[in-house]
PDB file of N, CA and C in Angstrom:
ATOM      1  N   UNK A   1     -53.287  45.410  -9.474  1.00  0.00           N
ATOM      2  CA  UNK A   1     -52.504  44.348  -9.977  1.00  0.00           C
ATOM      3  C   UNK A   1     -51.109  45.870  -9.356  1.00  0.00           C
ATOM      4  N   UNK A   2     -49.874  44.824  -8.430  1.00  0.00           N
ATOM      5  CA  UNK A   2     -48.570  45.900  -7.723  1.00  0.00           C
ATOM      6  C   UNK A   2     -47.708  45.413  -8.242  1.00  0.00           C
ATOM      7  N   UNK A   3     -47.342  46.388  -8.712  1.00  0.00           N
ATOM      8  CA  UNK A   3     -45.789  45.857  -9.287  1.00  0.00           C
ATOM      9  C   UNK A   3     -44.701  46.717  -8.778  1.00  0.00           C
ATOM     10  N   UNK A   4     -43.651  45.998  -8.258  1.00  0.00           N
ATOM     11  CA  UNK A   4     -42.334  45.777  -8.402  1.00  0.00           C
ATOM     12  C   UNK A   4     -41.132  45.626  -8.676  1.00  0.00           C
ATOM     13  N   UNK A   5     -39.886  46.091  -8.881  1.00  0.00           N
ATOM     14  CA  UNK A   5     -38.702  46.125  -9.228  1.00  0.00           C
ATOM     15  C   UNK A   5     -38.593  44.669  -9.835  1.00  0.00           C
ATOM     16  N   UNK A   6     -38.506  43.980  -9.055  1.00  0.00           N
ATOM     17  CA  UNK A   6     -38.760  42.403  -9.688  1.00  0.00           C
ATOM     18  C   UNK A   6     -39.848  41.520  -9.810  1.00  0.00           C
ATOM     19  N   UNK A   7     -41.193  41.800  -9.621  1.00  0.00           N
ATOM     20  CA  UNK A   7     -42.537  40.928  -9.841  1.00  0.00           C
ATOM     21  C   UNK A   7     -42.703  41.987  -9.474  1.00  0.00           C
ATOM     22  N   UNK A   8     -44.457  41.208 -10.032  1.00  0.00           N
ATOM     23  CA  UNK A   8     -45.765  41.265 -10.410  1.00  0.00           C
ATOM     24  C   UNK A   8     -46.644  41.074  -9.071  1.00  0.00           C
ATOM     25  N   UNK A   9     -48.071  41.043  -8.770  1.00  0.00           N
ATOM     26  CA  UNK A   9     -48.483  40.713  -7.557  1.00  0.00           C
ATOM     27  C   UNK A   9     -49.772  41.229  -7.736  1.00  0.00           C
ATOM     28  N   UNK A  10     -51.334  40.231  -7.477  1.00  0.00           N
ATOM     29  CA  UNK A  10     -52.408  39.795  -8.338  1.00  0.00           C
ATOM     30  C   UNK A  10     -53.140  40.360  -7.076  1.00  0.00           C
ATOM     31  N   UNK A  11     -54.204  40.907  -6.967  1.00  0.00           N
ATOM     32  CA  UNK A  11     -54.498  41.098  -5.837  1.00  0.00           C
ATOM     33  C   UNK A  11     -56.582  41.454  -6.458  1.00  0.00           C
ATOM     34  N   UNK A  12     -56.894  40.646  -5.589  1.00  0.00           N
ATOM     35  CA  UNK A  12     -58.717  41.465  -6.239  1.00  0.00           C
ATOM     36  C   UNK A  12     -59.678  41.562  -4.973  1.00  0.00           C
ATOM     37  N   UNK A  13     -60.683  42.158  -4.985  1.00  0.00           N
ATOM     38  CA  UNK A  13     -61.618  43.111  -3.911  1.00  0.00           C
ATOM     39  C   UNK A  13     -62.970  42.278  -3.946  1.00  0.00           C
ATOM     40  N   UNK A  14     -62.833  41.389  -3.320  1.00  0.00           N
ATOM     41  CA  UNK A  14     -64.844  40.526  -2.784  1.00  0.00           C
ATOM     42  C   UNK A  14     -65.469  41.684  -1.434  1.00  0.00           C
ATOM     43  N   UNK A  15     -66.335  41.063  -1.703  1.00  0.00           N
ATOM     44  CA  UNK A  15     -67.512  42.280  -0.895  1.00  0.00           C
ATOM     45  C   UNK A  15     -67.644  40.975   0.191  1.00  0.00           C
ATOM     46  N   UNK A  16     -67.592  40.984   1.240  1.00  0.00           N
ATOM     47  CA  UNK A  16     -67.141  39.650   2.402  1.00  0.00           C
ATOM     48  C   UNK A  16     -69.037  40.377   3.138  1.00  0.00           C
ATOM     49  N   UNK A  17     -69.873  39.659   2.618  1.00  0.00           N
ATOM     50  CA  UNK A  17     -71.680  39.274   3.503  1.00  0.00           C
ATOM     51  C   UNK A  17     -71.456  39.377   4.791  1.00  0.00           C
ATOM     52  N   UNK A  18     -70.539  38.155   5.402  1.00  0.00           N
ATOM     53  CA  UNK A  18     -71.216  38.340   6.624  1.00  0.00           C
ATOM     54  C   UNK A  18     -69.998  39.402   8.180  1.00  0.00           C
ATOM     55  N   UNK A  19     -68.720  40.332   7.096  1.00  0.00           N
ATOM     56  CA  UNK A  19     -68.654  41.375   7.047  1.00  0.00           C
ATOM     57  C   UNK A  19     -68.766  42.491   7.180  1.00  0.00           C
ATOM     58  N   UNK A  20     -69.757  42.525   5.936  1.00  0.00           N
ATOM     59  CA  UNK A  20     -70.372  44.218   5.320  1.00  0.00           C
ATOM     60  C   UNK A  20     -69.892  45.124   5.107  1.00  0.00           C
ATOM     61  N   UNK A  21     -68.579  44.970   4.708  1.00  0.00           N
ATOM     62  CA  UNK A  21     -67.409  44.962   4.178  1.00  0.00           C
ATOM     63  C   UNK A  21     -66.283  44.827   2.691  1.00  0.00           C
ATOM     64  N   UNK A  22     -65.875  45.408   1.994  1.00  0.00           N
ATOM     65  CA  UNK A  22     -64.571  44.731   0.676  1.00  0.00           C
ATOM     66  C   UNK A  22     -64.010  44.236   1.423  1.00  0.00           C
ATOM     67  N   UNK A  23     -63.229  43.253   0.773  1.00  0.00           N
ATOM     68  CA  UNK A  23     -61.905  42.767   1.943  1.00  0.00           C
ATOM     69  C   UNK A  23     -61.116  42.350   0.053  1.00  0.00           C
ATOM     70  N   UNK A  24     -59.886  42.586   0.141  1.00  0.00           N
ATOM     71  CA  UNK A  24     -58.806  42.305  -0.573  1.00  0.00           C
ATOM     72  C   UNK A  24     -57.985  41.350  -0.028  1.00  0.00           C
ATOM     73  N   UNK A  25     -57.890  39.942  -1.534  1.00  0.00           N
ATOM     74  CA  UNK A  25     -58.101  38.587  -1.241  1.00  0.00           C
ATOM     75  C   UNK A  25     -56.332  38.808  -2.810  1.00  0.00           C
ATOM     76  N   UNK A  26     -55.002  37.992  -1.938  1.00  0.00           N
ATOM     77  CA  UNK A  26     -53.973  37.860  -2.296  1.00  0.00           C
ATOM     78  C   UNK A  26     -54.331  37.154  -3.577  1.00  0.00           C
ATOM     79  N   UNK A  27     -54.003  37.204  -4.625  1.00  0.00           N
ATOM     80  CA  UNK A  27     -54.524  36.151  -6.111  1.00  0.00           C
ATOM     81  C   UNK A  27     -52.749  35.354  -6.203  1.00  0.00           C
ATOM     82  N   UNK A  28     -52.417  36.416  -6.010  1.00  0.00           N
ATOM     83  CA  UNK A  28     -50.465  35.162  -6.371  1.00  0.00           C
ATOM     84  C   UNK A  28     -49.593  36.372  -6.871  1.00  0.00           C
ATOM     85  N   UNK A  29     -48.214  35.874  -7.902  1.00  0.00           N
ATOM     86  CA  UNK A  29     -47.668  37.188  -8.179  1.00  0.00           C
ATOM     87  C   UNK A  29     -46.114  35.821  -8.951  1.00  0.00           C
ATOM     88  N   UNK A  30     -45.489  36.699  -9.523  1.00  0.00           N
ATOM     89  CA  UNK A  30     -44.796  36.396 -10.567  1.00  0.00           C
ATOM     90  C   UNK A  30     -43.034  37.541 -10.377  1.00  0.00           C
ATOM     91  N   UNK A  31     -42.460  36.181 -10.340  1.00  0.00           N
ATOM     92  CA  UNK A  31     -40.924  37.252  -9.761  1.00  0.00           C
ATOM     93  C   UNK A  31     -40.488  36.660 -11.389  1.00  0.00           C
ATOM     94  N   UNK A  32     -39.204  37.505 -11.779  1.00  0.00           N
ATOM     95  CA  UNK A  32     -38.799  38.062 -12.383  1.00  0.00           C
ATOM     96  C   UNK A  32     -36.940  38.356 -12.391  1.00  0.00           C
ATOM     97  N   UNK A  33     -36.261  36.931 -12.563  1.00  0.00           N
ATOM     98  CA  UNK A  33     -34.887  37.197 -13.121  1.00  0.00           C
ATOM     99  C   UNK A  33     -34.198  37.679 -13.824  1.00  0.00           C
ATOM    100  N   UNK A  34     -34.559  37.669 -14.855  1.00  0.00           N
ATOM    101  CA  UNK A  34     -34.115  37.798 -16.213  1.00  0.00           C
ATOM    102  C   UNK A  34     -33.336  39.667 -16.656  1.00  0.00           C
ATOM    103  N   UNK A  35     -34.788  39.939 -15.558  1.00  0.00           N
ATOM    104  CA  UNK A  35     -34.907  41.490 -15.816  1.00  0.00           C
ATOM    105  C   UNK A  35     -36.158  42.946 -14.993  1.00  0.00           C
ATOM    106  N   UNK A  36     -35.576  43.797 -15.029  1.00  0.00           N
ATOM    107  CA  UNK A  36     -36.961  44.514 -14.586  1.00  0.00           C
ATOM    108  C   UNK A  36     -37.843  44.847 -14.985  1.00  0.00           C
ATOM    109  N   UNK A  37     -38.797  45.303 -14.350  1.00  0.00           N
ATOM    110  CA  UNK A  37     -40.188  45.886 -14.506  1.00  0.00           C
ATOM    111  C   UNK A  37     -39.772  46.884 -15.333  1.00  0.00           C
ATOM    112  N   UNK A  38     -40.128  46.466 -16.060  1.00  0.00           N
ATOM    113  CA  UNK A  38     -41.079  48.112 -16.887  1.00  0.00           C
ATOM    114  C   UNK A  38     -42.664  48.361 -17.365  1.00  0.00           C
ATOM    115  N   UNK A  39     -43.035  47.612 -17.314  1.00  0.00           N
ATOM    116  CA  UNK A  39     -44.326  48.082 -17.644  1.00  0.00           C
ATOM    117  C   UNK A  39     -45.876  46.761 -17.856  1.00  0.00           C
ATOM    118  N   UNK A  40     -46.951  47.202 -17.073  1.00  0.00           N
ATOM    119  CA  UNK A  40     -47.919  45.504 -16.478  1.00  0.00           C
ATOM    120  C   UNK A  40     -49.163  46.699 -16.784  1.00  0.00           C
ATOM    121  N   UNK A  41     -49.617  45.423 -18.160  1.00  0.00           N
ATOM    122  CA  UNK A  41     -51.801  46.488 -17.967  1.00  0.00           C
ATOM    123  C   UNK A  41     -52.048  44.471 -18.358  1.00  0.00           C
ATOM    124  N   UNK A  42     -53.541  44.969 -18.574  1.00  0.00           N
ATOM    125  CA  UNK A  42     -54.324  44.015 -17.894  1.00  0.00           C
ATOM    126  C   UNK A  42     -55.532  44.667 -18.527  1.00  0.00           C
ATOM    127  N   UNK A  43     -56.615  44.293 -19.088  1.00  0.00           N
ATOM    128  CA  UNK A  43     -57.990  43.823 -19.886  1.00  0.00           C
ATOM    129  C   UNK A  43     -58.828  43.252 -18.970  1.00  0.00           C
ATOM    130  N   UNK A  44     -60.487  44.094 -18.623  1.00  0.00           N
ATOM    131  CA  UNK A  44     -61.144  43.063 -18.191  1.00  0.00           C
ATOM    132  C   UNK A  44     -61.633  42.102 -19.051  1.00  0.00           C
ATOM    133  N   UNK A  45     -61.570  42.816 -20.578  1.00  0.00           N
ATOM    134  CA  UNK A  45     -62.427  42.155 -21.050  1.00  0.00           C
ATOM    135  C   UNK A  45     -61.458  39.957 -21.810  1.00  0.00           C
ATOM    136  N   UNK A  46     -60.319  40.110 -21.119  1.00  0.00           N
ATOM    137  CA  UNK A  46     -59.648  39.331 -21.544  1.00  0.00           C
ATOM    138  C   UNK A  46     -58.795  38.417 -20.430  1.00  0.00           C
ATOM    139  N   UNK A  47     -59.904  37.609 -19.689  1.00  0.00           N
ATOM    140  CA  UNK A  47     -60.207  37.588 -18.422  1.00  0.00           C
ATOM    141  C   UNK A  47     -59.103  36.488 -17.642  1.00  0.00           C
ATOM    142  N   UNK A  48     -57.528  37.370 -16.677  1.00  0.00           N
ATOM    143  CA  UNK A  48     -57.543  36.895 -16.676  1.00  0.00           C
ATOM    144  C   UNK A  48     -55.343  36.743 -17.000  1.00  0.00           C
ATOM    145  N   UNK A  49     -55.610  37.485 -18.315  1.00  0.00           N
ATOM    146  CA  UNK A  49     -54.487  37.440 -18.628  1.00  0.00           C
ATOM    147  C   UNK A  49     -54.412  38.620 -19.020  1.00  0.00           C
ATOM    148  N   UNK A  50     -52.994  38.729 -18.645  1.00  0.00           N
ATOM    149  CA  UNK A  50     -51.441  40.454 -17.966  1.00  0.00           C
ATOM    150  C   UNK A  50     -50.546  40.065 -18.798  1.00  0.00           C
ATOM    151  N   UNK A  51     -50.229  41.104 -19.254  1.00  0.00           N
ATOM    152  CA  UNK A  51     -48.578  41.446 -20.794  1.00  0.00           C
ATOM    153  C   UNK A  51     -48.041  41.997 -19.049  1.00  0.00           C
ATOM    154  N   UNK A  52     -46.718  41.980 -19.448  1.00  0.00           N
ATOM    155  CA  UNK A  52     -45.538  42.786 -18.683  1.00  0.00           C
ATOM    156  C   UNK A  52     -44.297  42.013 -19.253  1.00  0.00           C
ATOM    157  N   UNK A  53     -43.711  43.435 -19.080  1.00  0.00           N
ATOM    158  CA  UNK A  53     -42.877  43.491 -20.185  1.00  0.00           C
ATOM    159  C   UNK A  53     -41.910  44.405 -19.460  1.00  0.00           C
ATOM    160  N   UNK A  54     -40.096  44.009 -19.567  1.00  0.00           N
ATOM    161  CA  UNK A  54     -39.289  43.746 -18.812  1.00  0.00           C
ATOM    162  C   UNK A  54     -38.135  45.267 -19.585  1.00  0.00           C
ATOM    163  N   UNK A  55     -37.531  45.252 -18.360  1.00  0.00           N
ATOM    164  CA  UNK A  55     -36.484  47.183 -19.600  1.00  0.00           C
ATOM    165  C   UNK A  55     -35.550  45.626 -20.442  1.00  0.00           C
ATOM    166  N   UNK A  56     -35.272  44.617 -20.171  1.00  0.00           N
ATOM    167  CA  UNK A  56     -34.958  44.150 -21.853  1.00  0.00           C
ATOM    168  C   UNK A  56     -35.747  44.174 -22.503  1.00  0.00           C
ATOM    169  N   UNK A  57     -36.449  44.592 -22.979  1.00  0.00           N
ATOM    170  CA  UNK A  57     -37.667  44.223 -24.209  1.00  0.00           C
ATOM    171  C   UNK A  57     -37.918  42.908 -23.713  1.00  0.00           C
ATOM    172  N   UNK A  58     -38.179  41.711 -22.800  1.00  0.00           N
ATOM    173  CA  UNK A  58     -38.756  40.463 -23.039  1.00  0.00           C
ATOM    174  C   UNK A  58     -40.520  40.884 -22.411  1.00  0.00           C
ATOM    175  N   UNK A  59     -41.245  40.230 -23.679  1.00  0.00           N
ATOM    176  CA  UNK A  59     -42.639  40.329 -22.903  1.00  0.00           C
ATOM    177  C   UNK A  59     -43.178  38.748 -22.461  1.00  0.00           C
ATOM    178  N   UNK A  60     -43.810  38.805 -21.147  1.00  0.00           N
ATOM    179  CA  UNK A  60     -43.713  37.902 -20.578  1.00  0.00           C
ATOM    180  C   UNK A  60     -45.742  38.140 -20.661  1.00  0.00           C
ATOM    181  N   UNK A  61     -46.680  37.215 -21.211  1.00  0.00           N
ATOM    182  CA  UNK A  61     -48.399  36.810 -21.645  1.00  0.00           C
ATOM    183  C   UNK A  61     -48.633  35.185 -20.334  1.00  0.00           C
ATOM    184  N   UNK A  62     -49.475  36.241 -18.868  1.00  0.00           N
ATOM    185  CA  UNK A  62     -49.210  35.216 -17.922  1.00  0.00           C
ATOM    186  C   UNK A  62     -50.865  35.673 -17.346  1.00  0.00           C
ATOM    187  N   UNK A  63     -51.568  34.353 -17.159  1.00  0.00           N
ATOM    188  CA  UNK A  63     -52.885  33.487 -16.770  1.00  0.00           C
ATOM    189  C   UNK A  63     -53.507  33.632 -15.582  1.00  0.00           C
TER     190      UNK A  63
END
């Protein structure tokens, strides 16, 4: 997960057997127009869910 001022971007690391090395794959992103990013959290137990807190107090649950 990469967090910028007004967006969050998700990536995953996979192993490419044909290349014999790990590769970084882009999963997606979310833009926030209502406020700037304050914090984000994800849990390996909750597959695909992420909580994002904006500076204005808004909380987003993304999956």
